Each structure stands twice: as C-alpha cells, then as structure tokens.
C-alpha cells in the first residue's frame, strides 16, 4: 500500500531576467511599481521576472512529488487558492487517486471559476504533484502511469527572439539553429517592423527551418485571415493564437480558411475547454498539423 499524503506545501519562485519576457520594452511601454509590463501589441500584462508556483507533496513514508504551474502574474493568488481551498482536501488522501481527486477539486469551484484562471492554475499544480508522487511511490517513470513513453527523444523549437530590432532577432535565430534547434517561433507582440516582414526575413535567412509566429490573441477573424494570406508564401509551420481565446467562432473561422496550420490551446486549462473548440475545427487541418508535429517530433 502506498503511504497517504502527509503534507502539501506551496511556494512562489521568482527569477530575475536580463531582458523582460518577449523582449525589450517597446514604444509606449514601461514597467510599473509592481514590476509588470503591459505589452501594447496585445494589451496583456507580463512580469519583468520569471515567476512560477511550486507544489511539494510529501507522503507519510517521506517520498516526495513535485508540481509546478503558472505564477506569471500575481502568484500569491494561486498560493491563496492552494492553501485556503485545495490543500486541506488533499492531505491524507492516496496519490494514486489523482484523477478522482482532480474531479472533486474541480467541482468545488463550479460556480466560482472552476474552468480556468487562477483556480485552474492551482488545480494543475496539485494534479501534477500527486501524479509525480504516485509514480515515485510505485518506483516507475511517470510516463508509465500515463500509458507508457511514446519516444525517447523530444526535439524542441526555440520560442521567442527577445531582441529589440529585426536584424538582432534574425541573428539570434541563426544562433539557435546553429545549436541544433529545428524550428523558431517569434512573437508578433514585439514585431515592431511588421509581423509579415519578420516572417519573410527569417525565411530568407533560414530557408530550411520550421518558422512559427505567436499572434498572442491580438486579431479578429478577418484580420487574422488577411495576415495568414500574407504569411503563406513563407511557409509558416503554424500561426498560433490568432484570435481572443473566448471568441470560439473567430478561431473556428480562421482554422477553416487560413490556408496555413493554426495552433491554439495554451490557455485552455482542461478537457472541458478543449471540447468547446475542437469540434468546430476542420479535421483535415488538425490532422495535417498533427502529422507534421509527429514527423518533426514536436
């Protein structure tokens, strides 16, 4: 029998950055007294440092499992939910019951934001820690409990080119490729010289590399479709998050008619949020992106 969960602890971690997330401050951007920046390109708040929330689940036999979740903005909000709401319902339980515990904790907040937001972030930290603990108690890799490992190596693409100018971002992309990365993703939020111009500049410099752009939810459907047509000649591997996450109709429209693969889902917290969107997407477009991802190993 696996030992019951004796305690769960949570803390916030903050690591300083030389350059803010996404890149240097752009025109009209500044850091406020709390250390946050609002990017004008998508009106979204980001911290000047890297912040995260860590959860430590300790069993009665001393075995420890670890979880991590978003703490990128106001990590104390995630910690409050963990300490005041979730942790008291988990201590004393069996980590092997992680799927059932997840459902119970999700139901606790059904009328107070169960689906996502800070609550979804806090719930994810607990779920990861319990599954890690169960695997350690069983003496097997976590992948075994999740159905088995599908691969032994996972190629990665470089996400973000945090430099001030297009020339500097292209130069940085070259260094990532020289280090062995198969793909490069840049952020439209800091494409001050132009999103299309950046894609074509990167394609000219890196003709055989997968290129992706994160649009950070900044366009409506018509704008995103026009942009996709302009990007298409540069053969983007995908365009990510073209429309506001809550605008399900717009995302479906873009996925169906963009003519290039569309990536989404970073801000979907659970299967319920995915089910609201995936039935609206074209199956052939999803299949194409899935096959390409499997071929590259992403």
Protein backbone atom coordinates (compact mmCIF):
# COMPACT_ATOMS: atom_id res chain seq x y z
CA UNK A 1 0.00 0.00 0.00
CA UNK A 2 1.25 3.45 -0.88
CA UNK A 3 1.57 5.80 2.08
CA UNK A 4 -1.03 8.54 2.42
CA UNK A 5 -0.20 12.16 1.63
CA UNK A 6 1.15 13.68 4.85
CA UNK A 7 1.54 17.29 3.73
CA UNK A 8 1.42 19.61 0.74
CA UNK A 9 3.44 22.81 0.62
CA UNK A 10 3.39 25.57 -1.97
CA UNK A 11 5.68 28.48 -2.70
CA UNK A 12 6.28 31.09 -5.37
CA UNK A 13 9.59 31.32 -7.23
CA UNK A 14 10.85 34.47 -8.93
CA UNK A 15 13.96 34.54 -11.12
CA UNK A 16 15.37 37.82 -12.46
CA UNK A 17 15.71 38.36 -16.20
CA UNK A 18 18.21 40.49 -18.08
CA UNK A 19 15.51 41.25 -20.68
CA UNK A 20 11.75 41.16 -19.94
CA UNK A 21 9.70 38.28 -21.30
CA UNK A 22 9.19 38.56 -25.08
CA UNK A 23 11.86 41.25 -25.42
CA UNK A 24 12.95 44.78 -24.54
CA UNK A 25 10.34 47.42 -23.81
CA UNK A 26 8.83 48.84 -26.98
CA UNK A 27 7.42 52.28 -27.80
CA UNK A 28 4.93 53.41 -25.17
CA UNK A 29 5.75 50.53 -22.80
CA UNK A 30 7.03 50.91 -19.24
CA UNK A 31 7.39 48.88 -16.08
CA UNK A 32 5.10 49.78 -13.19
CA UNK A 33 5.95 49.85 -9.48
CA UNK A 34 4.93 46.19 -9.08
CA UNK A 35 7.32 45.05 -11.78
CA UNK A 36 4.73 44.43 -14.51
CA UNK A 37 4.61 45.46 -18.16
CA UNK A 38 1.58 45.81 -20.40
CA UNK A 39 2.55 44.95 -23.95
CA UNK A 40 0.84 47.38 -26.32
CA UNK A 41 0.74 44.75 -29.05
CA UNK A 42 -1.82 42.59 -27.23
CA UNK A 43 -2.72 44.65 -24.12
CA UNK A 44 -1.59 41.77 -21.90
CA UNK A 45 0.32 42.03 -18.61
CA UNK A 46 3.69 40.31 -18.14
CA UNK A 47 6.22 40.36 -15.28
CA UNK A 48 9.75 41.68 -15.51
CA UNK A 49 10.99 38.48 -13.83
CA UNK A 50 10.18 34.80 -14.39
CA UNK A 51 7.63 33.68 -11.80
CA UNK A 52 6.18 30.27 -11.08
CA UNK A 53 4.40 28.35 -8.33
CA UNK A 54 5.86 25.10 -6.98
CA UNK A 55 3.97 22.43 -5.02
CA UNK A 56 5.64 19.76 -2.88
CA UNK A 57 3.55 16.72 -1.88
CA UNK A 58 5.10 14.55 0.83
CA UNK A 59 3.80 11.08 1.72
CA UNK A 60 3.89 9.55 5.19
CA UNK A 61 6.85 7.40 4.12
CA UNK A 62 8.84 10.51 3.14
CA UNK A 63 8.55 10.13 -0.64
CA UNK A 64 8.05 13.48 -2.35
CA UNK A 65 6.26 14.51 -5.54
CA UNK A 66 6.62 17.85 -7.26
CA UNK A 67 4.24 20.02 -9.26
CA UNK A 68 4.57 23.37 -11.00
CA UNK A 69 2.11 25.81 -12.50
CA UNK A 70 1.63 29.29 -13.82
CA UNK A 71 2.55 32.06 -11.44
CA UNK A 72 3.44 34.52 -14.13
CA UNK A 73 1.15 37.24 -12.72
CA UNK A 74 0.11 37.57 -9.05
CA UNK A 75 1.43 34.19 -7.89
CA UNK A 76 0.08 34.96 -4.42
CA UNK A 77 -3.43 34.48 -5.84
CA UNK A 78 -2.55 30.92 -6.86
CA UNK A 79 -0.96 30.29 -3.46
CA UNK A 80 -4.07 31.54 -1.65
CA UNK A 81 -6.29 29.13 -3.58
CA UNK A 82 -3.91 26.27 -2.91
CA UNK A 83 -3.59 26.93 0.81
CA UNK A 84 -7.15 28.01 1.59
CA UNK A 85 -9.16 25.76 -0.72
CA UNK A 86 -7.34 22.82 -2.29
CA UNK A 87 -4.65 21.54 0.05
CA UNK A 88 -6.95 20.83 3.03
CA UNK A 89 -9.00 18.48 0.85
CA UNK A 90 -5.96 16.53 -0.38
CA UNK A 91 -3.86 15.84 2.70
CA UNK A 92 -4.47 12.33 3.97
CA UNK A 93 -5.53 11.04 0.55
CA UNK A 94 -3.85 8.45 -1.68
CA UNK A 95 -1.83 9.94 -4.54
CA UNK A 96 -2.91 7.06 -6.77
CA UNK A 97 -6.39 8.59 -6.70
CA UNK A 98 -5.15 11.70 -8.52
CA UNK A 99 -7.75 11.53 -11.33
CA UNK A 100 -10.65 11.29 -8.86
CA UNK A 101 -9.15 13.98 -6.64
CA UNK A 102 -8.86 16.29 -9.64
CA UNK A 103 -12.56 15.88 -10.42
CA UNK A 104 -13.53 16.53 -6.79
CA UNK A 105 -11.42 19.67 -6.57
CA UNK A 106 -12.75 20.90 -9.91
CA UNK A 107 -16.33 20.53 -8.66
CA UNK A 108 -15.59 22.57 -5.53
CA UNK A 109 -15.43 25.79 -7.53
CA UNK A 110 -18.02 25.14 -10.22
CA UNK A 111 -19.78 28.46 -9.59
CA UNK A 112 -16.58 30.38 -8.83
CA UNK A 113 -14.46 29.91 -11.92
CA UNK A 114 -13.83 26.18 -11.95
CA UNK A 115 -12.85 26.02 -15.61
CA UNK A 116 -9.75 28.18 -15.72
CA UNK A 117 -7.97 31.23 -14.42
CA UNK A 118 -6.07 31.16 -11.17
CA UNK A 119 -8.15 28.23 -9.93
CA UNK A 120 -7.24 26.16 -12.97
CA UNK A 121 -3.58 27.00 -12.43
CA UNK A 122 -3.71 25.99 -8.77
CA UNK A 123 -5.52 22.75 -9.57
CA UNK A 124 -2.89 21.86 -12.18
CA UNK A 125 -0.08 22.21 -9.63
CA UNK A 126 -1.78 19.76 -7.25
CA UNK A 127 -2.59 17.29 -10.02
CA UNK A 128 0.99 17.23 -11.31
CA UNK A 129 2.44 16.80 -7.80
CA UNK A 130 0.10 13.90 -6.96
CA UNK A 131 0.83 12.08 -10.20
CA UNK A 132 4.56 12.56 -9.69
CA UNK A 133 4.25 11.26 -6.13
CA UNK A 134 2.26 8.19 -7.23
CA UNK A 135 4.91 7.34 -9.82
CA UNK A 136 7.73 7.72 -7.31
CA UNK A 137 5.89 5.54 -4.80
CA UNK A 138 5.44 2.88 -7.47
CA UNK A 139 9.08 3.15 -8.48
CA UNK A 140 8.28 3.76 -12.15
CA UNK A 141 8.60 6.73 -14.52
CA UNK A 142 5.55 8.97 -14.59
CA UNK A 143 5.15 8.14 -18.29
CA UNK A 144 4.41 4.54 -17.28
CA UNK A 145 1.42 5.61 -15.18
CA UNK A 146 0.21 7.78 -18.06
CA UNK A 147 0.21 4.88 -20.52
CA UNK A 148 3.86 4.47 -21.45
CA UNK A 149 6.56 6.52 -23.18
CA UNK A 150 5.98 7.15 -26.89
CA UNK A 151 9.52 8.35 -27.67
CA UNK A 152 12.94 8.56 -26.08
CA UNK A 153 13.96 11.96 -27.50
CA UNK A 154 11.93 15.14 -27.90
CA UNK A 155 13.23 17.77 -30.33
CA UNK A 156 12.50 21.36 -29.33
CA UNK A 157 11.93 24.61 -31.14
CA UNK A 158 13.24 27.92 -29.82
CA UNK A 159 10.34 30.03 -28.59
CA UNK A 160 10.89 33.77 -28.62
CA UNK A 161 13.52 36.09 -30.02
CA UNK A 162 13.88 38.71 -27.26
CA UNK A 163 15.84 41.38 -29.11
CA UNK A 164 14.95 44.97 -29.91
CA UNK A 165 15.36 45.04 -33.69
CA UNK A 166 14.52 42.72 -36.56
CA UNK A 167 18.18 42.39 -37.53
CA UNK A 168 19.05 41.34 -33.98
CA UNK A 169 16.19 38.83 -33.88
CA UNK A 170 17.28 37.24 -37.16
CA UNK A 171 20.85 36.99 -35.84
CA UNK A 172 19.60 35.37 -32.63
CA UNK A 173 17.53 32.89 -34.65
CA UNK A 174 20.68 31.89 -36.52
CA UNK A 175 22.44 31.11 -33.23
CA UNK A 176 19.54 28.88 -32.11
CA UNK A 177 19.67 26.93 -35.36
CA UNK A 178 23.44 26.57 -35.00
CA UNK A 179 22.77 24.99 -31.60
CA UNK A 180 20.57 22.35 -33.22
CA UNK A 181 17.02 23.71 -32.99
CA UNK A 182 14.77 22.56 -35.84
CA UNK A 183 12.30 25.41 -35.53
CA UNK A 184 11.98 29.04 -34.47
CA UNK A 185 8.93 30.86 -33.11
CA UNK A 186 8.76 34.63 -32.83
CA UNK A 187 6.28 36.88 -31.03
CA UNK A 188 4.09 39.23 -33.05
CA UNK A 189 3.79 41.47 -29.98
CA UNK A 190 7.34 42.75 -30.48
CA UNK A 191 7.43 42.61 -34.30
CA UNK A 192 7.67 46.39 -34.42
CA UNK A 193 8.94 46.31 -38.02
CA UNK A 194 5.95 44.17 -39.03
CA UNK A 195 4.77 40.59 -38.47
CA UNK A 196 4.91 39.72 -42.16
CA UNK A 197 8.27 41.41 -42.62
CA UNK A 198 9.73 39.39 -39.76
CA UNK A 199 8.45 36.08 -41.13
CA UNK A 200 9.91 36.75 -44.56
CA UNK A 201 13.22 37.98 -43.13
CA UNK A 202 13.54 34.80 -41.08
CA UNK A 203 12.62 32.64 -44.06
CA UNK A 204 15.26 34.31 -46.20
CA UNK A 205 17.88 33.75 -43.52
CA UNK A 206 16.74 30.22 -42.62
CA UNK A 207 15.28 28.58 -45.73
CA UNK A 208 15.06 25.05 -44.29
CA UNK A 209 13.89 25.76 -40.72
CA UNK A 210 10.32 25.47 -39.41
CA UNK A 211 9.09 29.00 -38.69
CA UNK A 212 6.18 29.82 -36.40
CA UNK A 213 4.61 33.00 -35.12
CA UNK A 214 2.70 33.55 -31.88
CA UNK A 215 -0.01 36.11 -32.60
CA UNK A 216 -0.99 36.38 -28.92
CA UNK A 217 -4.77 36.65 -29.48
CA UNK A 218 -4.49 40.13 -31.00
CA UNK A 219 -6.63 39.87 -34.19
CA UNK A 220 -10.24 39.40 -35.16
CA UNK A 221 -11.08 36.73 -37.74
CA UNK A 222 -10.88 38.98 -40.82
CA UNK A 223 -7.56 40.49 -39.74
CA UNK A 224 -6.10 37.06 -38.97
CA UNK A 225 -7.16 35.67 -42.35
CA UNK A 226 -5.59 38.59 -44.21
CA UNK A 227 -2.41 38.14 -42.22
CA UNK A 228 -2.34 34.39 -42.89
CA UNK A 229 -2.54 35.01 -46.64
CA UNK A 230 0.43 37.37 -46.43
CA UNK A 231 2.43 34.90 -44.34
CA UNK A 232 1.64 31.86 -46.51
CA UNK A 233 4.44 32.33 -49.10
CA UNK A 234 6.99 31.99 -46.28
CA UNK A 235 5.57 28.54 -45.41
CA UNK A 236 4.83 29.02 -41.70
CA UNK A 237 4.81 25.77 -39.74
CA UNK A 238 1.89 27.28 -37.85
CA UNK A 239 0.38 30.56 -36.72
CA UNK A 240 -0.54 30.44 -33.05
CA UNK A 241 -3.39 32.03 -31.10
CA UNK A 242 -4.68 34.36 -33.82
CA UNK A 243 -7.90 35.42 -32.02
CA UNK A 244 -9.10 36.04 -28.49
CA UNK A 245 -9.47 32.72 -26.69
CA UNK A 246 -13.09 33.37 -25.76
CA UNK A 247 -14.03 34.07 -29.39
CA UNK A 248 -14.64 30.45 -30.37
CA UNK A 249 -16.36 31.40 -33.64
CA UNK A 250 -13.42 33.51 -34.78
CA UNK A 251 -10.89 30.76 -34.06
CA UNK A 252 -13.01 28.24 -35.96
CA UNK A 253 -13.28 30.61 -38.91
CA UNK A 254 -9.53 31.17 -39.06
CA UNK A 255 -8.72 27.47 -38.65
CA UNK A 256 -11.07 26.60 -41.50
CA UNK A 257 -9.93 29.22 -44.01
CA UNK A 258 -6.40 30.40 -43.14
CA UNK A 259 -4.68 28.10 -45.62
CA UNK A 260 -1.88 27.54 -43.10
CA UNK A 261 -1.86 25.41 -39.93
CA UNK A 262 -3.31 27.17 -36.87
CA UNK A 263 -2.12 26.34 -33.34
CA UNK A 264 -4.14 27.05 -30.20
CA UNK A 265 -4.75 25.77 -26.70
CA UNK A 266 -2.04 27.22 -24.48
CA UNK A 267 -4.69 28.97 -22.39
CA UNK A 268 -7.15 26.04 -22.32
CA UNK A 269 -6.99 24.64 -18.82
CA UNK A 270 -8.75 21.31 -19.20
CA UNK A 271 -10.63 18.90 -21.43
CA UNK A 272 -13.88 20.85 -20.98
CA UNK A 273 -12.39 23.98 -22.54
CA UNK A 274 -10.90 21.93 -25.39
CA UNK A 275 -14.26 20.28 -26.12
CA UNK A 276 -15.83 23.69 -26.66
CA UNK A 277 -13.43 24.34 -29.53
CA UNK A 278 -12.12 21.19 -31.18
CA UNK A 279 -15.45 20.09 -32.73
CA UNK A 280 -15.50 23.44 -34.56
CA UNK A 281 -12.11 22.93 -36.18
CA UNK A 282 -11.61 21.28 -39.55
CA UNK A 283 -10.48 17.70 -39.02
CA UNK A 284 -8.17 17.76 -42.03
CA UNK A 285 -6.35 20.85 -40.73
CA UNK A 286 -5.86 19.29 -37.29
CA UNK A 287 -4.66 16.05 -38.89
CA UNK A 288 -2.17 17.92 -41.07
CA UNK A 289 -0.66 19.75 -38.12
CA UNK A 290 -0.57 16.56 -36.03
CA UNK A 291 1.25 14.64 -38.76
CA UNK A 292 3.77 17.42 -39.22
CA UNK A 293 4.36 17.59 -35.47
CA UNK A 294 4.92 13.83 -35.26
CA UNK A 295 7.33 13.95 -38.19
CA UNK A 296 9.44 16.63 -36.52
CA UNK A 297 8.94 15.30 -33.03
CA UNK A 298 7.38 18.44 -31.52
